[in-house]
Amino acid sequence: MEMSVARETVVRLEETLPLYDATELTKGGELAKIKLDDKLYTLRITRTGKLLLTK
């Protein structure tokens, strides 16, 4: 079976993107601060296991 060009591009992109574990970012807790330039964001892991990123 041949892989389409679009699918192959997606696979390559996924293989090259950095992967971060949210539980490592929060050091096992529920919150982490993320800085971008001079702005600070909060990463929260909800009780239902979803991620929220807020200013």
Protein backbone atom coordinates (compact mmCIF):
# COMPACT_ATOMS: atom_id res chain seq x y z
CA MET A 1 0.00 0.00 0.00
CA GLU A 2 1.37 3.44 -0.94
CA MET A 3 1.42 6.30 1.56
CA SER A 4 0.09 9.59 0.25
CA VAL A 5 2.40 12.61 0.15
CA ALA A 6 0.20 14.50 2.64
CA ARG A 7 0.22 11.58 5.11
CA GLU A 8 3.97 11.15 4.71
CA THR A 9 4.48 14.86 5.45
CA VAL A 10 2.38 14.61 8.61
CA VAL A 11 4.32 11.57 9.79
CA ARG A 12 7.65 13.32 9.20
CA LEU A 13 6.43 16.45 10.99
CA GLU A 14 5.27 14.43 14.02
CA GLU A 15 8.64 12.69 14.20
CA THR A 16 10.56 16.00 14.24
CA LEU A 17 8.42 17.97 16.71
CA PRO A 18 9.67 18.23 20.30
CA LEU A 19 7.63 16.15 22.74
CA TYR A 20 7.07 17.30 26.32
CA ASP A 21 5.29 15.34 29.04
CA ALA A 22 2.84 17.65 30.85
CA THR A 23 3.33 15.80 34.14
CA GLU A 24 7.07 16.44 33.88
CA LEU A 25 6.45 20.13 33.14
CA THR A 26 4.28 20.36 36.25
CA LYS A 27 6.68 18.16 38.27
CA GLY A 28 3.82 15.80 39.12
CA GLY A 29 1.48 18.60 40.17
CA GLU A 30 -1.29 20.38 38.32
CA LEU A 31 0.32 23.72 37.41
CA ALA A 32 3.36 25.01 35.55
CA LYS A 33 4.44 28.48 34.46
CA ILE A 34 5.53 28.91 30.85
CA LYS A 35 7.35 32.05 29.70
CA LEU A 36 7.29 33.35 26.14
CA ASP A 37 9.34 36.50 25.64
CA ASP A 38 8.14 38.75 28.48
CA LYS A 39 4.72 37.08 28.87
CA LEU A 40 3.93 34.47 31.52
CA TYR A 41 1.35 31.73 30.98
CA THR A 42 -0.08 29.07 33.29
CA LEU A 43 -0.42 25.46 32.17
CA ARG A 44 -3.04 23.58 34.18
CA ILE A 45 -3.92 19.89 34.12
CA THR A 46 -7.62 19.61 34.96
CA ARG A 47 -9.23 16.87 37.05
CA THR A 48 -10.50 15.32 33.82
CA GLY A 49 -6.97 15.20 32.37
CA LYS A 50 -7.30 18.08 29.92
CA LEU A 51 -4.76 20.87 29.48
CA LEU A 52 -5.53 24.58 29.82
CA LEU A 53 -3.09 27.31 28.90
CA THR A 54 -4.01 30.78 30.19
CA LYS A 55 -2.37 34.19 30.46
